[in-house]
Amino acid sequence: YAFANYESTALYMALGAGNDVTTDAFDDAVNQVRSNADAAYAEADTLFDAIDTDKDGGISNDELRAHLELVGYSRDSIRYLFNTLDANLDGVISREEMRYAFANYESTALYMALGAGNDVTTDAFDDAVNQVRSNADAAYAEADTLFDAIDTDKDGGISNDELRAHLELVGYSRDSIRYLFNTLDANLDGVISREEMRYAFANYE
């Protein structure tokens, strides 16, 4: 989540993984995370809400199919897109997964693939889906490497204590670390999940 959304070199530095980590680089990365997140969320949420017709907080394959069959896509193409967007393979596209896709991939092509562009074509659909597929593995690997280094107790989440232990080694203040933690913990549940780290690394160039 984090590595998807923000400039990854600055985020690496902010997370203490760069060679020349400075307080200014830390502050720049955190400010970039905050300033870009709202715009990415709004874009994804608008389309999510349009497709989630039963308003249960998830997009089913039937809902995506109903939306995209109106613009002429085949069931096989729609299923392929659904499986691409359903990152955790639970059979539902969550709001977080839609946000991740919009943060990670070229949004004009994704809009077209989701039937929201003015000139929707099968080629545009295929291009957007292929872009999602080809970029996801690299973004995940980058985020996962750093996530695994910080998640020292290997419980699948980064606590504030773990982030603090990691960043105090390179000289960051507790206030700066708390600010970064709250920025990366998008759902405010007190833990930075692997998905949240991936989202941040995937969303920003």
C-alpha atoms as a PDB file:
ATOM      1  CA  TYR A   1       0.000   0.000   0.000  1.00  0.00           C
ATOM      2  CA  ALA A   2       2.681   2.518   1.002  1.00  0.00           C
ATOM      3  CA  PHE A   3       5.243   1.565  -1.638  1.00  0.00           C
ATOM      4  CA  ALA A   4       2.573   1.751  -4.293  1.00  0.00           C
ATOM      5  CA  ASN A   5       1.464   5.273  -3.552  1.00  0.00           C
ATOM      6  CA  TYR A   6       4.513   7.341  -2.880  1.00  0.00           C
ATOM      7  CA  GLU A   7       7.849   8.136  -4.485  1.00  0.00           C
ATOM      8  CA  SER A   8       9.707   4.987  -3.581  1.00  0.00           C
ATOM      9  CA  THR A   9      13.241   6.436  -3.252  1.00  0.00           C
ATOM     10  CA  ALA A  10      12.028   9.065  -0.795  1.00  0.00           C
ATOM     11  CA  LEU A  11       9.923   6.465   1.013  1.00  0.00           C
ATOM     12  CA  TYR A  12      12.922   4.135   1.298  1.00  0.00           C
ATOM     13  CA  MET A  13      14.868   7.018   2.803  1.00  0.00           C
ATOM     14  CA  ALA A  14      12.022   7.912   5.158  1.00  0.00           C
ATOM     15  CA  LEU A  15      11.879   4.301   6.301  1.00  0.00           C
ATOM     16  CA  GLY A  16      15.599   4.271   7.022  1.00  0.00           C
ATOM     17  CA  ALA A  17      16.635   2.159   4.040  1.00  0.00           C
ATOM     18  CA  GLY A  18      18.520   4.801   2.043  1.00  0.00           C
ATOM     19  CA  ASN A  19      22.210   5.544   2.196  1.00  0.00           C
ATOM     20  CA  ASP A  20      21.767   9.288   2.775  1.00  0.00           C
ATOM     21  CA  VAL A  21      18.797   9.473   5.108  1.00  0.00           C
ATOM     22  CA  THR A  22      18.062  13.018   6.278  1.00  0.00           C
ATOM     23  CA  THR A  23      15.280  14.601   8.272  1.00  0.00           C
ATOM     24  CA  ASP A  24      14.397  16.699   5.212  1.00  0.00           C
ATOM     25  CA  ALA A  25      14.047  13.572   3.053  1.00  0.00           C
ATOM     26  CA  PHE A  26      11.892  12.001   5.749  1.00  0.00           C
ATOM     27  CA  ASP A  27       9.639  15.061   5.976  1.00  0.00           C
ATOM     28  CA  ASP A  28       9.378  15.314   2.174  1.00  0.00           C
ATOM     29  CA  ALA A  29       8.348  11.660   1.842  1.00  0.00           C
ATOM     30  CA  VAL A  30       5.752  11.868   4.605  1.00  0.00           C
ATOM     31  CA  ASN A  31       4.296  15.087   3.181  1.00  0.00           C
ATOM     32  CA  GLN A  32       4.092  13.501  -0.264  1.00  0.00           C
ATOM     33  CA  VAL A  33       2.261  10.508   1.189  1.00  0.00           C
ATOM     34  CA  ARG A  34      -0.302  12.773   2.846  1.00  0.00           C
ATOM     35  CA  SER A  35      -0.841  15.145  -0.080  1.00  0.00           C
ATOM     36  CA  ASN A  36      -1.273  12.498  -2.799  1.00  0.00           C
ATOM     37  CA  ALA A  37      -3.441  10.040  -0.890  1.00  0.00           C
ATOM     38  CA  ASP A  38      -6.684  12.019  -0.886  1.00  0.00           C
ATOM     39  CA  ALA A  39      -6.714  12.524  -4.661  1.00  0.00           C
ATOM     40  CA  ALA A  40      -5.977   8.858  -5.364  1.00  0.00           C
ATOM     41  CA  TYR A  41      -8.685   7.737  -2.944  1.00  0.00           C
ATOM     42  CA  ALA A  42     -11.320  10.072  -4.385  1.00  0.00           C
ATOM     43  CA  GLU A  43     -10.743   8.884  -7.952  1.00  0.00           C
ATOM     44  CA  ALA A  44     -10.949   5.213  -7.020  1.00  0.00           C
ATOM     45  CA  ASP A  45     -13.878   5.676  -4.639  1.00  0.00           C
ATOM     46  CA  THR A  46     -16.048   7.406  -7.244  1.00  0.00           C
ATOM     47  CA  LEU A  47     -15.790   4.468  -9.612  1.00  0.00           C
ATOM     48  CA  PHE A  48     -16.004   1.901  -6.805  1.00  0.00           C
ATOM     49  CA  ASP A  49     -19.279   3.413  -5.580  1.00  0.00           C
ATOM     50  CA  ALA A  50     -20.709   3.397  -9.113  1.00  0.00           C
ATOM     51  CA  ILE A  51     -19.990  -0.324  -9.596  1.00  0.00           C
ATOM     52  CA  ASP A  52     -20.891  -1.501  -6.055  1.00  0.00           C
ATOM     53  CA  THR A  53     -24.616  -1.342  -6.788  1.00  0.00           C
ATOM     54  CA  ASP A  54     -25.776  -3.249  -3.702  1.00  0.00           C
ATOM     55  CA  LYS A  55     -23.630  -0.956  -1.488  1.00  0.00           C
ATOM     56  CA  ASP A  56     -22.241  -3.832   0.589  1.00  0.00           C
ATOM     57  CA  GLY A  57     -18.699  -2.447   0.470  1.00  0.00           C
ATOM     58  CA  GLY A  58     -17.367  -4.895  -2.120  1.00  0.00           C
ATOM     59  CA  ILE A  59     -17.620  -5.417  -5.871  1.00  0.00           C
ATOM     60  CA  SER A  60     -18.659  -8.932  -6.838  1.00  0.00           C
ATOM     61  CA  ASN A  61     -17.896 -10.488 -10.203  1.00  0.00           C
ATOM     62  CA  ASP A  62     -21.618 -10.132 -11.021  1.00  0.00           C
ATOM     63  CA  GLU A  63     -21.509  -6.390 -10.306  1.00  0.00           C
ATOM     64  CA  LEU A  64     -18.397  -5.882 -12.417  1.00  0.00           C
ATOM     65  CA  ARG A  65     -19.918  -7.970 -15.204  1.00  0.00           C
ATOM     66  CA  ALA A  66     -23.181  -5.998 -15.100  1.00  0.00           C
ATOM     67  CA  HIS A  67     -21.206  -2.764 -15.350  1.00  0.00           C
ATOM     68  CA  LEU A  68     -18.882  -3.857 -18.171  1.00  0.00           C
ATOM     69  CA  GLU A  69     -21.288  -5.887 -20.297  1.00  0.00           C
ATOM     70  CA  LEU A  70     -23.085  -2.587 -20.939  1.00  0.00           C
ATOM     71  CA  VAL A  71     -20.036  -1.415 -22.880  1.00  0.00           C
ATOM     72  CA  GLY A  72     -19.527  -4.686 -24.754  1.00  0.00           C
ATOM     73  CA  TYR A  73     -16.814  -6.627 -22.933  1.00  0.00           C
ATOM     74  CA  SER A  74     -16.880 -10.415 -22.985  1.00  0.00           C
ATOM     75  CA  ARG A  75     -17.367 -12.465 -19.821  1.00  0.00           C
ATOM     76  CA  ASP A  76     -13.848 -13.905 -20.164  1.00  0.00           C
ATOM     77  CA  SER A  77     -12.309 -10.421 -20.369  1.00  0.00           C
ATOM     78  CA  ILE A  78     -14.339  -9.260 -17.384  1.00  0.00           C
ATOM     79  CA  ARG A  79     -13.313 -12.299 -15.332  1.00  0.00           C
ATOM     80  CA  TYR A  80      -9.655 -11.597 -16.171  1.00  0.00           C
ATOM     81  CA  LEU A  81      -9.989  -7.987 -14.989  1.00  0.00           C
ATOM     82  CA  PHE A  82     -11.833  -9.110 -11.853  1.00  0.00           C
ATOM     83  CA  ASN A  83      -9.062 -11.565 -10.957  1.00  0.00           C
ATOM     84  CA  THR A  84      -6.477  -8.843 -11.587  1.00  0.00           C
ATOM     85  CA  LEU A  85      -8.150  -6.343  -9.258  1.00  0.00           C
ATOM     86  CA  ASP A  86      -9.035  -8.911  -6.555  1.00  0.00           C
ATOM     87  CA  ALA A  87      -5.485  -8.923  -5.176  1.00  0.00           C
ATOM     88  CA  ASN A  88      -6.167 -11.175  -2.166  1.00  0.00           C
ATOM     89  CA  LEU A  89      -8.300 -13.579  -4.224  1.00  0.00           C
ATOM     90  CA  ASP A  90     -11.221 -13.584  -1.794  1.00  0.00           C
ATOM     91  CA  GLY A  91     -13.832 -13.260  -4.540  1.00  0.00           C
ATOM     92  CA  VAL A  92     -14.617  -9.584  -3.886  1.00  0.00           C
ATOM     93  CA  ILE A  93     -12.909  -6.385  -5.028  1.00  0.00           C
ATOM     94  CA  SER A  94     -12.605  -4.279  -1.881  1.00  0.00           C
ATOM     95  CA  ARG A  95     -12.394  -0.499  -1.771  1.00  0.00           C
ATOM     96  CA  GLU A  96      -8.725  -0.869  -0.773  1.00  0.00           C
ATOM     97  CA  GLU A  97      -8.027  -3.065  -3.807  1.00  0.00           C
ATOM     98  CA  MET A  98      -9.674  -0.522  -6.125  1.00  0.00           C
ATOM     99  CA  ARG A  99      -7.621   2.253  -4.520  1.00  0.00           C
ATOM    100  CA  TYR A 100      -4.497   0.170  -4.964  1.00  0.00           C
ATOM    101  CA  ALA A 101      -5.196  -0.301  -8.685  1.00  0.00           C
ATOM    102  CA  PHE A 102      -5.799   3.411  -9.202  1.00  0.00           C
ATOM    103  CA  ALA A 103      -2.671   4.264  -7.265  1.00  0.00           C
ATOM    104  CA  ASN A 104      -0.503   1.766  -9.137  1.00  0.00           C
ATOM    105  CA  TYR A 105      -1.540   1.981 -12.729  1.00  0.00           C
ATOM    106  CA  GLU A 106      -2.155   4.651 -15.349  1.00  0.00           C
ATOM    107  CA  SER A 107      -5.600   5.916 -14.382  1.00  0.00           C
ATOM    108  CA  THR A 108      -6.848   6.941 -17.846  1.00  0.00           C
ATOM    109  CA  ALA A 109      -6.338   3.413 -19.166  1.00  0.00           C
ATOM    110  CA  LEU A 110      -7.879   1.948 -16.013  1.00  0.00           C
ATOM    111  CA  TYR A 111     -10.916   4.217 -16.343  1.00  0.00           C
ATOM    112  CA  MET A 112     -11.328   3.013 -19.919  1.00  0.00           C
ATOM    113  CA  ALA A 113     -10.948  -0.623 -18.896  1.00  0.00           C
ATOM    114  CA  LEU A 114     -13.658  -0.105 -16.285  1.00  0.00           C
ATOM    115  CA  GLY A 115     -16.020   1.363 -18.861  1.00  0.00           C
ATOM    116  CA  ALA A 116     -15.730   4.977 -17.694  1.00  0.00           C
ATOM    117  CA  GLY A 117     -13.854   6.480 -20.656  1.00  0.00           C
ATOM    118  CA  ASN A 118     -15.377   8.174 -23.680  1.00  0.00           C
ATOM    119  CA  ASP A 119     -13.564   5.996 -26.196  1.00  0.00           C
ATOM    120  CA  VAL A 120     -13.634   2.575 -24.591  1.00  0.00           C
ATOM    121  CA  THR A 121     -12.134  -0.094 -26.835  1.00  0.00           C
ATOM    122  CA  THR A 122     -11.138  -3.706 -26.377  1.00  0.00           C
ATOM    123  CA  ASP A 123      -7.525  -2.670 -26.986  1.00  0.00           C
ATOM    124  CA  ALA A 124      -7.695  -0.081 -24.195  1.00  0.00           C
ATOM    125  CA  PHE A 125      -9.210  -2.706 -21.890  1.00  0.00           C
ATOM    126  CA  ASP A 126      -6.464  -5.210 -22.709  1.00  0.00           C
ATOM    127  CA  ASP A 127      -3.730  -2.576 -22.323  1.00  0.00           C
ATOM    128  CA  ALA A 128      -4.963  -1.515 -18.884  1.00  0.00           C
ATOM    129  CA  VAL A 129      -5.337  -5.074 -17.590  1.00  0.00           C
ATOM    130  CA  ASN A 130      -1.900  -6.029 -18.887  1.00  0.00           C
ATOM    131  CA  GLN A 131      -0.412  -2.949 -17.227  1.00  0.00           C
ATOM    132  CA  VAL A 132      -1.984  -3.926 -13.907  1.00  0.00           C
ATOM    133  CA  ARG A 133      -0.621  -7.461 -14.177  1.00  0.00           C
ATOM    134  CA  SER A 134       2.899  -6.535 -15.283  1.00  0.00           C
ATOM    135  CA  ASN A 135       3.495  -3.833 -12.655  1.00  0.00           C
ATOM    136  CA  ALA A 136       2.038  -5.576  -9.615  1.00  0.00           C
ATOM    137  CA  ASP A 137       4.789  -8.123  -8.982  1.00  0.00           C
ATOM    138  CA  ALA A 138       7.598  -5.525  -8.987  1.00  0.00           C
ATOM    139  CA  ALA A 139       5.705  -3.161  -6.670  1.00  0.00           C
ATOM    140  CA  TYR A 140       4.893  -5.989  -4.262  1.00  0.00           C
ATOM    141  CA  ALA A 141       8.476  -7.256  -4.125  1.00  0.00           C
ATOM    142  CA  GLU A 142       9.902  -3.822  -3.290  1.00  0.00           C
ATOM    143  CA  ALA A 143       7.380  -3.179  -0.542  1.00  0.00           C
ATOM    144  CA  ASP A 144       7.552  -6.708   0.857  1.00  0.00           C
ATOM    145  CA  THR A 145      11.330  -6.604   1.295  1.00  0.00           C
ATOM    146  CA  LEU A 146      11.142  -3.555   3.530  1.00  0.00           C
ATOM    147  CA  PHE A 147       7.978  -4.760   5.278  1.00  0.00           C
ATOM    148  CA  ASP A 148       9.682  -8.037   6.237  1.00  0.00           C
ATOM    149  CA  ALA A 149      12.730  -6.176   7.556  1.00  0.00           C
ATOM    150  CA  ILE A 150      10.618  -3.972   9.857  1.00  0.00           C
ATOM    151  CA  ASP A 151       8.105  -6.655  10.980  1.00  0.00           C
ATOM    152  CA  THR A 152      10.576  -8.193  13.405  1.00  0.00           C
ATOM    153  CA  ASP A 153       8.083 -10.370  15.282  1.00  0.00           C
ATOM    154  CA  LYS A 154       6.781 -11.756  11.956  1.00  0.00           C
ATOM    155  CA  ASP A 155       3.119 -11.430  12.933  1.00  0.00           C
ATOM    156  CA  GLY A 156       2.148  -9.957   9.560  1.00  0.00           C
ATOM    157  CA  GLY A 157       1.826  -6.347  10.738  1.00  0.00           C
ATOM    158  CA  ILE A 158       4.141  -3.493  11.673  1.00  0.00           C
ATOM    159  CA  SER A 159       3.388  -1.987  15.067  1.00  0.00           C
ATOM    160  CA  ASN A 160       4.354   1.524  16.084  1.00  0.00           C
ATOM    161  CA  ASP A 161       7.020  -0.026  18.342  1.00  0.00           C
ATOM    162  CA  GLU A 162       8.537  -1.947  15.422  1.00  0.00           C
ATOM    163  CA  LEU A 163       8.616   1.124  13.186  1.00  0.00           C
ATOM    164  CA  ARG A 164      10.098   3.188  16.018  1.00  0.00           C
ATOM    165  CA  ALA A 165      12.795   0.575  16.718  1.00  0.00           C
ATOM    166  CA  HIS A 166      13.702   0.557  13.022  1.00  0.00           C
ATOM    167  CA  LEU A 167      13.768   4.341  12.547  1.00  0.00           C
ATOM    168  CA  GLU A 168      15.320   5.386  15.852  1.00  0.00           C
ATOM    169  CA  LEU A 169      18.457   3.572  14.681  1.00  0.00           C
ATOM    170  CA  VAL A 170      18.845   6.214  11.955  1.00  0.00           C
ATOM    171  CA  GLY A 171      18.031   9.164  14.202  1.00  0.00           C
ATOM    172  CA  TYR A 172      14.360  10.040  13.679  1.00  0.00           C
ATOM    173  CA  SER A 173      12.357  11.591  16.499  1.00  0.00           C
ATOM    174  CA  ARG A 174       9.403   9.781  18.071  1.00  0.00           C
ATOM    175  CA  ASP A 175       7.045  12.501  16.811  1.00  0.00           C
ATOM    176  CA  SER A 176       8.256  12.087  13.222  1.00  0.00           C
ATOM    177  CA  ILE A 177       7.946   8.317  13.466  1.00  0.00           C
ATOM    178  CA  ARG A 178       4.412   8.552  14.898  1.00  0.00           C
ATOM    179  CA  TYR A 179       3.430  10.877  12.030  1.00  0.00           C
ATOM    180  CA  LEU A 180       4.787   8.435   9.449  1.00  0.00           C
ATOM    181  CA  PHE A 181       3.081   5.522  11.193  1.00  0.00           C
ATOM    182  CA  ASN A 182      -0.296   7.303  11.125  1.00  0.00           C
ATOM    183  CA  THR A 183       0.240   8.156   7.461  1.00  0.00           C
ATOM    184  CA  LEU A 184       0.960   4.556   6.432  1.00  0.00           C
ATOM    185  CA  ASP A 185      -1.741   3.038   8.677  1.00  0.00           C
ATOM    186  CA  ALA A 186      -4.490   4.008   6.213  1.00  0.00           C
ATOM    187  CA  ASN A 187      -7.359   2.229   7.995  1.00  0.00           C
ATOM    188  CA  LEU A 188      -6.202   3.503  11.422  1.00  0.00           C
ATOM    189  CA  ASP A 189      -6.336   0.079  13.078  1.00  0.00           C
ATOM    190  CA  GLY A 190      -3.002   0.571  14.863  1.00  0.00           C
ATOM    191  CA  VAL A 191      -0.996  -1.738  12.568  1.00  0.00           C
ATOM    192  CA  ILE A 192       0.628  -1.169   9.166  1.00  0.00           C
ATOM    193  CA  SER A 193      -0.449  -4.156   7.093  1.00  0.00           C
ATOM    194  CA  ARG A 194       1.447  -5.615   4.145  1.00  0.00           C
ATOM    195  CA  GLU A 195      -1.293  -4.240   1.856  1.00  0.00           C
ATOM    196  CA  GLU A 196      -0.885  -0.743   3.294  1.00  0.00           C
ATOM    197  CA  MET A 197       2.881  -0.864   2.716  1.00  0.00           C
ATOM    198  CA  ARG A 198       2.328  -2.130  -0.831  1.00  0.00           C
ATOM    199  CA  TYR A 199      -0.239   0.586  -1.460  1.00  0.00           C
ATOM    200  CA  ALA A 200       2.127   3.384  -0.482  1.00  0.00           C
ATOM    201  CA  PHE A 201       4.978   2.017  -2.594  1.00  0.00           C
ATOM    202  CA  ALA A 202       2.731   1.481  -5.612  1.00  0.00           C
ATOM    203  CA  ASN A 203       0.880   4.789  -5.681  1.00  0.00           C
ATOM    204  CA  TYR A 204       3.625   7.290  -6.332  1.00  0.00           C
ATOM    205  CA  GLU A 205       6.094   7.446  -9.171  1.00  0.00           C
END
